[in-house]
Amino acid sequence: TFPYPVYAAWAAAYKAETGAAVNYQSIGSGAGVRQIRAGTVDFGATDRPLKAADLAKAGLVQWPQVMGALVAVYNLPGIGAGELVLDGATLAGIYLGKIRHWRDPAIRALNPALDLPDRAIGVVRRSDGAGTTFLFTDYLSRVSAEWRSGPGAGTAVEWPVGVGARGNEGVAANVQQTRYAIGYVEHAIARHARLSYAALRNRAGRIVRPEAASIRSAAAHADW
């Protein structure tokens, strides 16, 4: 579901040019990988790099197709996009169920000027097998030893807390409809749903907002 917006745009342009339709269904990485392995579809997509041995065994090839950004999104009345600041440890604490309130000291320390609501945090996460979940949990495993030794990284993990939703679209819709909720989705989907997304404090202590320039910079400095 992560690259669905661009695949849908490409399919529409291709059909307008050639008359040929490409039917790409946004069903989640787990289902997509199962279907391509079974030969019921012509191609599938996942955010997670598959192991070379598994690809060879199934007679498949995988390559980088598009690049996107994963963002933490929230529904906090009066707090707009990029205004809420989080860091890796705090985000891990929220999804571990250890930080349960928007006025928790860890969140307040990062946002001294914000009028944070006196409300419990509504945690939203994926219920289906998802490459987007792999990206998110891989990040949490890198920034939190407790997460790494607990739920760990994967397309599906044992979530300590949260309400499940299917697909990036499902998480976006749930956060959109639920006040005081937080979730994780692909950047373009967050923008399309007009969701507010958090800025993150990085390892260097800088506050980084998910914008075109910072996303391009992250990709340019990634170790591929």
N, C-alpha and C. Protein backbone atom coordinates (compact mmCIF):
# COMPACT_ATOMS: atom_id res chain seq x y z
N THR A 1 0.82 -1.21 0.00
CA THR A 1 0.00 0.00 0.00
C THR A 1 0.85 1.27 0.00
N PHE A 2 2.12 1.14 0.37
CA PHE A 2 3.02 2.30 0.45
C PHE A 2 3.16 3.01 -0.90
N PRO A 3 3.47 2.27 -2.02
CA PRO A 3 3.65 2.96 -3.30
C PRO A 3 2.36 3.12 -4.11
N TYR A 4 1.22 2.76 -3.53
CA TYR A 4 -0.03 2.77 -4.30
C TYR A 4 -0.31 4.11 -4.99
N PRO A 5 -0.11 5.26 -4.34
CA PRO A 5 -0.44 6.52 -5.03
C PRO A 5 0.30 6.69 -6.36
N VAL A 6 1.59 6.34 -6.39
CA VAL A 6 2.34 6.54 -7.64
C VAL A 6 2.00 5.45 -8.66
N TYR A 7 1.76 4.22 -8.21
CA TYR A 7 1.38 3.16 -9.15
C TYR A 7 0.03 3.49 -9.80
N ALA A 8 -0.89 4.02 -9.02
CA ALA A 8 -2.21 4.38 -9.56
C ALA A 8 -2.08 5.48 -10.60
N ALA A 9 -1.21 6.46 -10.32
CA ALA A 9 -0.99 7.55 -11.29
C ALA A 9 -0.34 7.02 -12.56
N TRP A 10 0.64 6.14 -12.41
CA TRP A 10 1.30 5.55 -13.58
C TRP A 10 0.31 4.73 -14.42
N ALA A 11 -0.53 3.94 -13.74
CA ALA A 11 -1.50 3.10 -14.45
C ALA A 11 -2.48 3.96 -15.25
N ALA A 12 -2.93 5.06 -14.65
CA ALA A 12 -3.87 5.94 -15.34
C ALA A 12 -3.21 6.57 -16.57
N ALA A 13 -1.96 7.00 -16.43
CA ALA A 13 -1.24 7.60 -17.56
C ALA A 13 -1.00 6.57 -18.66
N TYR A 14 -0.67 5.35 -18.26
CA TYR A 14 -0.39 4.27 -19.22
C TYR A 14 -1.66 3.91 -20.00
N LYS A 15 -2.78 3.86 -19.31
CA LYS A 15 -4.04 3.52 -19.99
C LYS A 15 -4.44 4.63 -20.96
N ALA A 16 -4.23 5.89 -20.56
CA ALA A 16 -4.56 7.01 -21.45
C ALA A 16 -3.71 6.97 -22.71
N GLU A 17 -2.47 6.52 -22.59
CA GLU A 17 -1.54 6.50 -23.72
C GLU A 17 -1.73 5.28 -24.61
N THR A 18 -2.05 4.13 -23.99
CA THR A 18 -2.05 2.87 -24.74
C THR A 18 -3.40 2.17 -24.81
N GLY A 19 -4.31 2.51 -23.90
CA GLY A 19 -5.58 1.81 -23.81
C GLY A 19 -5.51 0.55 -22.98
N ALA A 20 -4.31 0.19 -22.55
CA ALA A 20 -4.12 -1.02 -21.74
C ALA A 20 -4.24 -0.68 -20.26
N ALA A 21 -5.02 -1.48 -19.52
CA ALA A 21 -5.25 -1.21 -18.09
C ALA A 21 -4.33 -2.07 -17.23
N VAL A 22 -3.76 -1.46 -16.22
CA VAL A 22 -2.99 -2.17 -15.20
C VAL A 22 -3.80 -2.12 -13.90
N ASN A 23 -4.15 -3.28 -13.39
CA ASN A 23 -4.98 -3.36 -12.18
C ASN A 23 -4.07 -3.64 -10.99
N TYR A 24 -3.66 -2.57 -10.30
CA TYR A 24 -2.82 -2.72 -9.10
C TYR A 24 -3.69 -2.54 -7.87
N GLN A 25 -3.76 -3.58 -7.04
CA GLN A 25 -4.60 -3.53 -5.85
C GLN A 25 -3.76 -3.25 -4.61
N SER A 26 -4.22 -2.32 -3.81
CA SER A 26 -3.52 -1.93 -2.59
C SER A 26 -3.95 -2.85 -1.45
N ILE A 27 -3.28 -4.02 -1.33
CA ILE A 27 -3.75 -5.05 -0.39
C ILE A 27 -2.75 -5.37 0.71
N GLY A 28 -1.59 -4.71 0.72
CA GLY A 28 -0.61 -4.99 1.76
C GLY A 28 0.48 -5.93 1.26
N SER A 29 1.70 -5.72 1.76
CA SER A 29 2.86 -6.49 1.29
C SER A 29 2.71 -7.99 1.48
N GLY A 30 2.18 -8.38 2.63
CA GLY A 30 2.08 -9.81 2.92
C GLY A 30 1.25 -10.53 1.87
N ALA A 31 0.07 -9.99 1.55
CA ALA A 31 -0.80 -10.60 0.55
C ALA A 31 -0.19 -10.49 -0.84
N GLY A 32 0.46 -9.37 -1.12
CA GLY A 32 1.08 -9.19 -2.43
C GLY A 32 2.19 -10.19 -2.69
N VAL A 33 3.04 -10.41 -1.69
CA VAL A 33 4.13 -11.36 -1.85
C VAL A 33 3.59 -12.78 -2.00
N ARG A 34 2.55 -13.11 -1.23
CA ARG A 34 1.94 -14.44 -1.38
C ARG A 34 1.38 -14.65 -2.78
N GLN A 35 0.75 -13.61 -3.34
CA GLN A 35 0.14 -13.75 -4.66
C GLN A 35 1.19 -13.85 -5.77
N ILE A 36 2.28 -13.12 -5.68
CA ILE A 36 3.29 -13.22 -6.73
C ILE A 36 4.00 -14.57 -6.64
N ARG A 37 4.19 -15.08 -5.43
CA ARG A 37 4.80 -16.41 -5.28
C ARG A 37 3.89 -17.50 -5.84
N ALA A 38 2.58 -17.29 -5.71
CA ALA A 38 1.62 -18.27 -6.21
C ALA A 38 1.37 -18.12 -7.71
N GLY A 39 1.86 -17.04 -8.30
CA GLY A 39 1.69 -16.84 -9.72
C GLY A 39 0.32 -16.33 -10.11
N THR A 40 -0.43 -15.80 -9.17
CA THR A 40 -1.78 -15.31 -9.48
C THR A 40 -1.77 -13.86 -9.95
N VAL A 41 -0.63 -13.18 -9.82
CA VAL A 41 -0.49 -11.81 -10.33
C VAL A 41 0.81 -11.73 -11.12
N ASP A 42 0.95 -10.65 -11.92
CA ASP A 42 2.15 -10.48 -12.74
C ASP A 42 3.30 -9.82 -11.97
N PHE A 43 2.97 -8.98 -11.01
CA PHE A 43 4.00 -8.35 -10.18
C PHE A 43 3.40 -7.98 -8.84
N GLY A 44 4.26 -7.86 -7.85
CA GLY A 44 3.85 -7.44 -6.51
C GLY A 44 4.86 -6.45 -5.97
N ALA A 45 4.52 -5.78 -4.91
CA ALA A 45 5.42 -4.79 -4.33
C ALA A 45 5.46 -4.94 -2.82
N THR A 46 6.64 -4.71 -2.26
CA THR A 46 6.80 -4.70 -0.81
C THR A 46 7.91 -3.73 -0.45
N ASP A 47 7.77 -3.09 0.71
CA ASP A 47 8.81 -2.17 1.18
C ASP A 47 10.02 -2.93 1.72
N ARG A 48 9.85 -4.21 1.99
CA ARG A 48 10.92 -4.99 2.63
C ARG A 48 11.77 -5.70 1.58
N PRO A 49 13.08 -5.55 1.63
CA PRO A 49 13.94 -6.32 0.72
C PRO A 49 13.85 -7.81 1.07
N LEU A 50 13.50 -8.63 0.09
CA LEU A 50 13.42 -10.07 0.31
C LEU A 50 14.81 -10.69 0.17
N LYS A 51 15.01 -11.82 0.81
CA LYS A 51 16.32 -12.47 0.77
C LYS A 51 16.58 -13.06 -0.62
N ALA A 52 17.83 -12.96 -1.05
CA ALA A 52 18.21 -13.43 -2.38
C ALA A 52 17.87 -14.90 -2.57
N ALA A 53 18.08 -15.71 -1.54
CA ALA A 53 17.81 -17.15 -1.66
C ALA A 53 16.32 -17.40 -1.84
N ASP A 54 15.48 -16.64 -1.14
CA ASP A 54 14.03 -16.80 -1.27
C ASP A 54 13.55 -16.38 -2.67
N LEU A 55 14.14 -15.30 -3.18
CA LEU A 55 13.78 -14.85 -4.52
C LEU A 55 14.16 -15.90 -5.56
N ALA A 56 15.39 -16.43 -5.43
CA ALA A 56 15.87 -17.43 -6.40
C ALA A 56 15.00 -18.69 -6.37
N LYS A 57 14.63 -19.10 -5.17
CA LYS A 57 13.81 -20.30 -5.02
C LYS A 57 12.46 -20.15 -5.70
N ALA A 58 11.90 -18.93 -5.65
CA ALA A 58 10.58 -18.68 -6.24
C ALA A 58 10.66 -18.22 -7.69
N GLY A 59 11.90 -18.07 -8.21
CA GLY A 59 12.06 -17.60 -9.58
C GLY A 59 11.67 -16.15 -9.76
N LEU A 60 11.94 -15.32 -8.74
CA LEU A 60 11.55 -13.92 -8.75
C LEU A 60 12.76 -13.00 -8.78
N VAL A 61 12.53 -11.77 -9.19
CA VAL A 61 13.55 -10.72 -9.17
C VAL A 61 12.94 -9.52 -8.46
N GLN A 62 13.73 -8.85 -7.64
CA GLN A 62 13.25 -7.66 -6.93
C GLN A 62 14.21 -6.51 -7.18
N TRP A 63 13.66 -5.31 -7.37
CA TRP A 63 14.51 -4.15 -7.61
C TRP A 63 13.86 -2.91 -7.00
N PRO A 64 14.63 -1.86 -6.73
CA PRO A 64 14.05 -0.61 -6.22
C PRO A 64 13.22 0.06 -7.30
N GLN A 65 11.99 0.44 -6.96
CA GLN A 65 11.08 1.02 -7.94
C GLN A 65 10.80 2.49 -7.66
N VAL A 66 10.45 2.78 -6.42
CA VAL A 66 10.17 4.16 -6.02
C VAL A 66 10.74 4.38 -4.62
N MET A 67 10.92 5.63 -4.27
CA MET A 67 11.38 5.98 -2.92
C MET A 67 10.32 6.87 -2.27
N GLY A 68 10.04 6.59 -1.03
CA GLY A 68 9.08 7.42 -0.31
C GLY A 68 9.49 7.57 1.13
N ALA A 69 8.72 8.30 1.88
CA ALA A 69 9.04 8.56 3.29
C ALA A 69 7.91 8.05 4.18
N LEU A 70 8.30 7.54 5.32
CA LEU A 70 7.34 7.09 6.33
C LEU A 70 7.25 8.17 7.40
N VAL A 71 6.01 8.54 7.78
CA VAL A 71 5.83 9.62 8.74
C VAL A 71 4.89 9.19 9.86
N ALA A 72 5.12 9.75 11.03
CA ALA A 72 4.18 9.59 12.15
C ALA A 72 3.11 10.66 12.01
N VAL A 73 1.85 10.24 12.01
CA VAL A 73 0.73 11.18 11.84
C VAL A 73 -0.11 11.22 13.12
N TYR A 74 -0.75 12.35 13.34
CA TYR A 74 -1.53 12.51 14.56
C TYR A 74 -2.76 13.36 14.31
N ASN A 75 -3.72 13.25 15.22
CA ASN A 75 -4.95 14.03 15.18
C ASN A 75 -5.07 14.77 16.50
N LEU A 76 -4.49 15.96 16.54
CA LEU A 76 -4.50 16.79 17.75
C LEU A 76 -5.09 18.14 17.38
N PRO A 77 -6.32 18.42 17.78
CA PRO A 77 -6.95 19.70 17.44
C PRO A 77 -6.07 20.88 17.83
N GLY A 78 -5.86 21.79 16.89
CA GLY A 78 -5.08 22.98 17.16
C GLY A 78 -3.59 22.83 16.96
N ILE A 79 -3.12 21.62 16.67
CA ILE A 79 -1.68 21.39 16.45
C ILE A 79 -1.51 20.92 15.01
N GLY A 80 -0.88 21.76 14.20
CA GLY A 80 -0.78 21.50 12.77
C GLY A 80 0.40 20.62 12.39
N ALA A 81 0.55 20.42 11.09
CA ALA A 81 1.61 19.57 10.55
C ALA A 81 2.99 20.12 10.90
N GLY A 82 3.84 19.26 11.41
CA GLY A 82 5.21 19.64 11.72
C GLY A 82 5.38 20.39 13.02
N GLU A 83 4.29 20.66 13.73
CA GLU A 83 4.40 21.41 14.99
C GLU A 83 4.77 20.50 16.15
N LEU A 84 4.25 19.27 16.16
CA LEU A 84 4.58 18.32 17.21
C LEU A 84 5.95 17.72 16.93
N VAL A 85 6.81 17.71 17.93
CA VAL A 85 8.15 17.14 17.80
C VAL A 85 8.24 15.86 18.64
N LEU A 86 8.74 14.80 18.03
CA LEU A 86 9.00 13.55 18.73
C LEU A 86 10.43 13.12 18.46
N ASP A 87 10.89 12.14 19.20
CA ASP A 87 12.17 11.51 18.87
C ASP A 87 11.96 10.00 18.90
N GLY A 88 13.00 9.27 18.51
CA GLY A 88 12.87 7.83 18.40
C GLY A 88 12.47 7.16 19.70
N ALA A 89 13.10 7.56 20.80
CA ALA A 89 12.82 6.94 22.09
C ALA A 89 11.38 7.18 22.52
N THR A 90 10.88 8.38 22.28
CA THR A 90 9.50 8.71 22.67
C THR A 90 8.50 7.96 21.80
N LEU A 91 8.77 7.89 20.50
CA LEU A 91 7.88 7.15 19.60
C LEU A 91 7.85 5.67 19.98
N ALA A 92 9.01 5.11 20.31
CA ALA A 92 9.05 3.72 20.76
C ALA A 92 8.28 3.56 22.07
N GLY A 93 8.42 4.52 22.98
CA GLY A 93 7.69 4.46 24.24
C GLY A 93 6.19 4.47 24.06
N ILE A 94 5.71 5.24 23.07
CA ILE A 94 4.27 5.28 22.78
C ILE A 94 3.80 3.92 22.30
N TYR A 95 4.55 3.31 21.37
CA TYR A 95 4.12 2.03 20.80
C TYR A 95 4.43 0.84 21.72
N LEU A 96 5.25 1.06 22.73
CA LEU A 96 5.45 0.03 23.76
C LEU A 96 4.37 0.11 24.83
N GLY A 97 3.59 1.18 24.81
CA GLY A 97 2.54 1.36 25.82
C GLY A 97 3.06 1.96 27.10
N LYS A 98 4.27 2.49 27.09
CA LYS A 98 4.84 3.09 28.30
C LYS A 98 4.54 4.58 28.38
N ILE A 99 4.33 5.22 27.24
CA ILE A 99 3.92 6.62 27.19
C ILE A 99 2.47 6.62 26.70
N ARG A 100 1.54 6.91 27.59
CA ARG A 100 0.12 6.74 27.29
C ARG A 100 -0.66 8.04 27.22
N HIS A 101 -0.03 9.15 27.58
CA HIS A 101 -0.75 10.42 27.69
C HIS A 101 -0.01 11.50 26.92
N TRP A 102 -0.78 12.39 26.29
CA TRP A 102 -0.15 13.44 25.49
C TRP A 102 0.63 14.44 26.34
N ARG A 103 0.34 14.49 27.64
CA ARG A 103 1.10 15.38 28.51
C ARG A 103 2.17 14.64 29.30
N ASP A 104 2.56 13.49 28.80
CA ASP A 104 3.65 12.75 29.42
C ASP A 104 4.91 13.64 29.43
N PRO A 105 5.71 13.57 30.49
CA PRO A 105 6.91 14.42 30.57
C PRO A 105 7.83 14.31 29.37
N ALA A 106 7.95 13.13 28.76
CA ALA A 106 8.84 12.96 27.61
C ALA A 106 8.35 13.79 26.42
N ILE A 107 7.04 13.82 26.20
CA ILE A 107 6.49 14.60 25.09
C ILE A 107 6.54 16.09 25.41
N ARG A 108 6.27 16.43 26.65
CA ARG A 108 6.29 17.85 27.04
C ARG A 108 7.70 18.42 26.95
N ALA A 109 8.70 17.61 27.26
CA ALA A 109 10.08 18.09 27.18
C ALA A 109 10.48 18.44 25.76
N LEU A 110 9.91 17.72 24.79
CA LEU A 110 10.21 17.99 23.39
C LEU A 110 9.37 19.12 22.81
N ASN A 111 8.27 19.47 23.52
CA ASN A 111 7.32 20.46 23.01
C ASN A 111 6.94 21.46 24.10
N PRO A 112 7.91 22.19 24.65
CA PRO A 112 7.61 23.07 25.78
C PRO A 112 6.64 24.20 25.43
N ALA A 113 6.56 24.58 24.17
CA ALA A 113 5.70 25.70 23.80
C ALA A 113 4.31 25.28 23.35
N LEU A 114 4.08 23.97 23.21
CA LEU A 114 2.78 23.50 22.73
C LEU A 114 1.80 23.29 23.89
N ASP A 115 0.53 23.60 23.61
CA ASP A 115 -0.54 23.33 24.57
C ASP A 115 -1.05 21.92 24.28
N LEU A 116 -0.39 20.93 24.85
CA LEU A 116 -0.73 19.54 24.59
C LEU A 116 -2.04 19.18 25.30
N PRO A 117 -2.88 18.37 24.66
CA PRO A 117 -4.18 18.03 25.26
C PRO A 117 -4.03 17.11 26.47
N ASP A 118 -4.93 17.29 27.41
CA ASP A 118 -4.96 16.43 28.61
C ASP A 118 -5.77 15.18 28.28
N ARG A 119 -5.20 14.38 27.37
CA ARG A 119 -5.91 13.21 26.85
C ARG A 119 -4.98 12.02 26.69
N ALA A 120 -5.59 10.84 26.71
CA ALA A 120 -4.83 9.61 26.45
C ALA A 120 -4.49 9.53 24.96
N ILE A 121 -3.38 8.88 24.65
CA ILE A 121 -2.95 8.69 23.26
C ILE A 121 -3.67 7.48 22.67
N GLY A 122 -4.29 7.68 21.51
CA GLY A 122 -4.90 6.58 20.79
C GLY A 122 -3.92 6.03 19.76
N VAL A 123 -3.37 4.86 20.01
CA VAL A 123 -2.33 4.28 19.15
C VAL A 123 -2.98 3.48 18.02
N VAL A 124 -2.58 3.77 16.78
CA VAL A 124 -3.08 3.05 15.61
C VAL A 124 -1.90 2.39 14.91
N ARG A 125 -2.05 1.13 14.51
CA ARG A 125 -0.98 0.41 13.82
C ARG A 125 -1.61 -0.54 12.81
N ARG A 126 -0.79 -1.15 11.99
CA ARG A 126 -1.30 -2.04 10.95
C ARG A 126 -1.74 -3.37 11.55
N SER A 127 -2.82 -3.92 10.98
CA SER A 127 -3.30 -5.23 11.41
C SER A 127 -2.90 -6.32 10.43
N ASP A 128 -2.50 -5.90 9.21
CA ASP A 128 -2.11 -6.86 8.18
C ASP A 128 -0.60 -6.91 8.04
N GLY A 129 -0.10 -7.95 7.38
CA GLY A 129 1.33 -8.02 7.12
C GLY A 129 1.72 -6.90 6.18
N ALA A 130 2.70 -6.09 6.58
CA ALA A 130 2.96 -4.86 5.85
C ALA A 130 4.43 -4.52 5.80
N GLY A 131 4.90 -4.19 4.60
CA GLY A 131 6.26 -3.68 4.48
C GLY A 131 6.42 -2.36 5.20
N THR A 132 5.34 -1.58 5.24
CA THR A 132 5.39 -0.31 5.97
C THR A 132 5.64 -0.56 7.45
N THR A 133 5.06 -1.62 7.99
CA THR A 133 5.31 -1.99 9.38
C THR A 133 6.76 -2.41 9.55
N PHE A 134 7.31 -3.12 8.55
CA PHE A 134 8.74 -3.47 8.63
C PHE A 134 9.59 -2.21 8.72
N LEU A 135 9.30 -1.21 7.87
CA LEU A 135 10.08 0.03 7.91
C LEU A 135 9.98 0.70 9.27
N PHE A 136 8.77 0.78 9.80
CA PHE A 136 8.54 1.46 11.07
C PHE A 136 9.21 0.71 12.22
N THR A 137 9.03 -0.60 12.28
CA THR A 137 9.60 -1.37 13.39
C THR A 137 11.11 -1.52 13.26
N ASP A 138 11.62 -1.49 12.03
CA ASP A 138 13.07 -1.49 11.84
C ASP A 138 13.66 -0.21 12.43
N TYR A 139 12.99 0.92 12.17
CA TYR A 139 13.43 2.19 12.75
C TYR A 139 13.38 2.14 14.27
N LEU A 140 12.27 1.67 14.83
CA LEU A 140 12.15 1.60 16.28
C LEU A 140 13.23 0.69 16.88
N SER A 141 13.57 -0.38 16.18
CA SER A 141 14.61 -1.29 16.66
C SER A 141 15.98 -0.63 16.67
N ARG A 142 16.19 0.32 15.77
CA ARG A 142 17.48 1.02 15.70
C ARG A 142 17.63 2.09 16.78
N VAL A 143 16.48 2.65 17.21
CA VAL A 143 16.55 3.76 18.17
C VAL A 143 16.20 3.34 19.59
N SER A 144 15.69 2.11 19.77
CA SER A 144 15.26 1.66 21.09
C SER A 144 15.71 0.22 21.33
N ALA A 145 16.60 0.04 22.31
CA ALA A 145 17.05 -1.31 22.66
C ALA A 145 15.89 -2.15 23.19
N GLU A 146 14.97 -1.50 23.90
CA GLU A 146 13.83 -2.23 24.45
C GLU A 146 12.91 -2.73 23.34
N TRP A 147 12.73 -1.90 22.31
CA TRP A 147 11.92 -2.37 21.19
C TRP A 147 12.64 -3.50 20.45
N ARG A 148 13.94 -3.35 20.26
CA ARG A 148 14.72 -4.35 19.53
C ARG A 148 14.67 -5.70 20.22
N SER A 149 14.72 -5.72 21.55
CA SER A 149 14.70 -6.98 22.29
C SER A 149 13.28 -7.46 22.57
N GLY A 150 12.28 -6.62 22.23
CA GLY A 150 10.89 -6.99 22.45
C GLY A 150 10.19 -7.33 21.15
N PRO A 151 9.32 -6.44 20.65
CA PRO A 151 8.60 -6.76 19.41
C PRO A 151 9.52 -6.98 18.22
N GLY A 152 10.63 -6.19 18.15
CA GLY A 152 11.58 -6.35 17.06
C GLY A 152 11.04 -5.81 15.75
N ALA A 153 11.74 -6.15 14.65
CA ALA A 153 11.39 -5.65 13.32
C ALA A 153 10.77 -6.76 12.49
N GLY A 154 9.73 -6.42 11.74
CA GLY A 154 9.09 -7.41 10.88
C GLY A 154 7.88 -6.83 10.19
N THR A 155 7.36 -7.55 9.22
CA THR A 155 6.14 -7.09 8.54
C THR A 155 4.91 -7.25 9.43
N ALA A 156 5.02 -8.12 10.43
CA ALA A 156 3.97 -8.29 11.44
C ALA A 156 4.65 -8.60 12.76
N VAL A 157 4.30 -7.88 13.82
CA VAL A 157 4.92 -8.08 15.13
C VAL A 157 3.83 -8.18 16.18
N GLU A 158 4.22 -8.61 17.37
CA GLU A 158 3.30 -8.64 18.50
C GLU A 158 3.24 -7.24 19.12
N TRP A 159 2.24 -6.48 18.72
CA TRP A 159 2.13 -5.10 19.19
C TRP A 159 1.71 -5.08 20.66
N PRO A 160 2.41 -4.33 21.52
CA PRO A 160 2.01 -4.23 22.92
C PRO A 160 0.69 -3.48 23.11
N VAL A 161 0.42 -2.50 22.23
CA VAL A 161 -0.78 -1.68 22.37
C VAL A 161 -1.29 -1.31 20.98
N GLY A 162 -2.47 -0.74 20.94
CA GLY A 162 -2.94 -0.14 19.70
C GLY A 162 -4.13 -0.81 19.06
N VAL A 163 -4.78 -0.06 18.17
CA VAL A 163 -5.90 -0.52 17.37
C VAL A 163 -5.38 -0.79 15.96
N GLY A 164 -5.71 -1.95 15.41
CA GLY A 164 -5.22 -2.32 14.09
C GLY A 164 -6.10 -1.79 12.97
N ALA A 165 -5.46 -1.48 11.83
CA ALA A 165 -6.17 -1.07 10.63
C ALA A 165 -5.44 -1.64 9.42
N ARG A 166 -6.19 -1.92 8.37
CA ARG A 166 -5.60 -2.53 7.18
C ARG A 166 -5.12 -1.48 6.20
N GLY A 167 -3.87 -1.64 5.78
CA GLY A 167 -3.31 -0.77 4.76
C GLY A 167 -2.96 0.62 5.26
N ASN A 168 -2.10 1.30 4.47
CA ASN A 168 -1.80 2.70 4.77
C ASN A 168 -3.09 3.52 4.80
N GLU A 169 -3.99 3.21 3.87
CA GLU A 169 -5.25 3.95 3.81
C GLU A 169 -6.08 3.75 5.06
N GLY A 170 -6.08 2.52 5.59
CA GLY A 170 -6.85 2.24 6.79
C GLY A 170 -6.32 2.96 8.01
N VAL A 171 -4.99 2.98 8.15
CA VAL A 171 -4.38 3.71 9.27
C VAL A 171 -4.68 5.20 9.14
N ALA A 172 -4.53 5.74 7.93
CA ALA A 172 -4.80 7.16 7.71
C ALA A 172 -6.24 7.50 8.06
N ALA A 173 -7.19 6.67 7.62
CA ALA A 173 -8.61 6.92 7.90
C ALA A 173 -8.90 6.85 9.39
N ASN A 174 -8.28 5.88 10.08
CA ASN A 174 -8.51 5.73 11.51
C ASN A 174 -8.01 6.95 12.28
N VAL A 175 -6.80 7.40 11.95
CA VAL A 175 -6.25 8.58 12.63
C VAL A 175 -7.09 9.82 12.30
N GLN A 176 -7.51 9.92 11.05
CA GLN A 176 -8.32 11.06 10.62
C GLN A 176 -9.62 11.15 11.40
N GLN A 177 -10.20 10.00 11.73
CA GLN A 177 -11.51 9.96 12.38
C GLN A 177 -11.44 9.92 13.91
N THR A 178 -10.23 9.79 14.46
CA THR A 178 -10.09 9.59 15.91
C THR A 178 -9.26 10.70 16.53
N ARG A 179 -9.89 11.52 17.32
CA ARG A 179 -9.14 12.58 18.00
C ARG A 179 -8.12 11.98 18.96
N TYR A 180 -6.96 12.62 19.03
CA TYR A 180 -5.86 12.27 19.95
C TYR A 180 -5.17 10.96 19.54
N ALA A 181 -5.34 10.57 18.27
CA ALA A 181 -4.71 9.34 17.77
C ALA A 181 -3.36 9.63 17.15
N ILE A 182 -2.54 8.58 17.06
CA ILE A 182 -1.25 8.64 16.37
C ILE A 182 -1.10 7.37 15.55
N GLY A 183 -0.46 7.48 14.39
CA GLY A 183 -0.24 6.32 13.54
C GLY A 183 0.98 6.53 12.66
N TYR A 184 1.19 5.64 11.70
CA TYR A 184 2.33 5.77 10.78
C TYR A 184 1.87 5.39 9.38
N VAL A 185 2.17 6.27 8.42
CA VAL A 185 1.78 6.04 7.03
C VAL A 185 2.83 6.64 6.09
N GLU A 186 2.66 6.33 4.81
CA GLU A 186 3.53 6.92 3.78
C GLU A 186 3.20 8.39 3.62
N HIS A 187 4.21 9.19 3.33
CA HIS A 187 4.09 10.65 3.32
C HIS A 187 3.02 11.16 2.37
N ALA A 188 2.98 10.63 1.12
CA ALA A 188 2.00 11.12 0.15
C ALA A 188 0.58 10.81 0.60
N ILE A 189 0.40 9.66 1.25
CA ILE A 189 -0.93 9.30 1.75
C ILE A 189 -1.33 10.24 2.89
N ALA A 190 -0.37 10.61 3.74
CA ALA A 190 -0.66 11.57 4.81
C ALA A 190 -1.08 12.92 4.23
N ARG A 191 -0.39 13.35 3.20
CA ARG A 191 -0.74 14.63 2.58
C ARG A 191 -2.10 14.56 1.90
N HIS A 192 -2.37 13.46 1.21
CA HIS A 192 -3.66 13.30 0.52
C HIS A 192 -4.81 13.32 1.53
N ALA A 193 -4.60 12.70 2.69
CA ALA A 193 -5.63 12.66 3.73
C ALA A 193 -5.65 13.93 4.58
N ARG A 194 -4.72 14.84 4.29
CA ARG A 194 -4.59 16.10 5.04
C ARG A 194 -4.37 15.85 6.53
N LEU A 195 -3.51 14.89 6.81
CA LEU A 195 -3.18 14.57 8.18
C LEU A 195 -1.95 15.36 8.63
N SER A 196 -1.92 15.71 9.89
CA SER A 196 -0.73 16.35 10.46
C SER A 196 0.33 15.30 10.73
N TYR A 197 1.58 15.62 10.43
CA TYR A 197 2.66 14.66 10.67
C TYR A 197 3.74 15.30 11.52
N ALA A 198 4.37 14.46 12.33
CA ALA A 198 5.32 14.94 13.34
C ALA A 198 6.68 15.25 12.74
N ALA A 199 7.38 16.18 13.36
CA ALA A 199 8.80 16.38 13.11
C ALA A 199 9.55 15.44 14.06
N LEU A 200 10.72 14.98 13.65
CA LEU A 200 11.51 14.08 14.48
C LEU A 200 12.87 14.70 14.81
N ARG A 201 13.28 14.53 16.05
CA ARG A 201 14.63 14.93 16.43
C ARG A 201 15.56 13.78 16.08
N ASN A 202 16.58 14.06 15.27
CA ASN A 202 17.46 12.98 14.81
C ASN A 202 18.62 12.75 15.76
N ARG A 203 19.52 11.86 15.38
CA ARG A 203 20.64 11.50 16.25
C ARG A 203 21.55 12.68 16.56
N ALA A 204 21.60 13.65 15.63
CA ALA A 204 22.44 14.83 15.84
C ALA A 204 21.74 15.89 16.69
N GLY A 205 20.50 15.61 17.10
CA GLY A 205 19.76 16.56 17.92
C GLY A 205 19.01 17.61 17.13
N ARG A 206 18.99 17.47 15.80
CA ARG A 206 18.30 18.44 14.96
C ARG A 206 16.85 18.02 14.74
N ILE A 207 15.98 19.01 14.62
CA ILE A 207 14.57 18.76 14.35
C ILE A 207 14.38 18.70 12.84
N VAL A 208 13.90 17.57 12.34
CA VAL A 208 13.73 17.37 10.91
C VAL A 208 12.26 17.17 10.59
N ARG A 209 11.76 17.97 9.66
CA ARG A 209 10.38 17.83 9.22
C ARG A 209 10.32 17.10 7.88
N PRO A 210 9.32 16.26 7.67
CA PRO A 210 9.25 15.47 6.44
C PRO A 210 8.76 16.32 5.27
N GLU A 211 9.70 16.96 4.61
CA GLU A 211 9.40 17.77 3.43
C GLU A 211 10.26 17.27 2.28
N ALA A 212 9.96 17.75 1.07
CA ALA A 212 10.64 17.23 -0.12
C ALA A 212 12.16 17.29 0.02
N ALA A 213 12.68 18.41 0.48
CA ALA A 213 14.13 18.56 0.57
C ALA A 213 14.75 17.59 1.57
N SER A 214 14.13 17.43 2.73
CA SER A 214 14.70 16.55 3.75
C SER A 214 14.57 15.08 3.34
N ILE A 215 13.49 14.75 2.63
CA ILE A 215 13.31 13.37 2.16
C ILE A 215 14.37 13.05 1.10
N ARG A 216 14.60 13.97 0.18
CA ARG A 216 15.63 13.77 -0.85
C ARG A 216 17.01 13.63 -0.21
N SER A 217 17.27 14.45 0.82
CA SER A 217 18.56 14.39 1.50
C SER A 217 18.76 13.05 2.19
N ALA A 218 17.69 12.53 2.83
CA ALA A 218 17.78 11.24 3.49
C ALA A 218 18.12 10.14 2.49
N ALA A 219 17.47 10.20 1.31
CA ALA A 219 17.72 9.19 0.28
C ALA A 219 19.13 9.30 -0.25
N ALA A 220 19.60 10.54 -0.45
CA ALA A 220 20.93 10.75 -1.01
C ALA A 220 22.04 10.26 -0.09
N HIS A 221 21.77 10.26 1.21
CA HIS A 221 22.80 9.85 2.18
C HIS A 221 22.59 8.46 2.73
N ALA A 222 21.60 7.74 2.18
CA ALA A 222 21.34 6.37 2.65
C ALA A 222 22.39 5.41 2.08
N ASP A 223 22.69 4.38 2.85
CA ASP A 223 23.63 3.33 2.41
C ASP A 223 22.83 2.24 1.71
N TRP A 224 22.81 2.29 0.37
CA TRP A 224 22.03 1.32 -0.40
C TRP A 224 22.78 0.01 -0.56
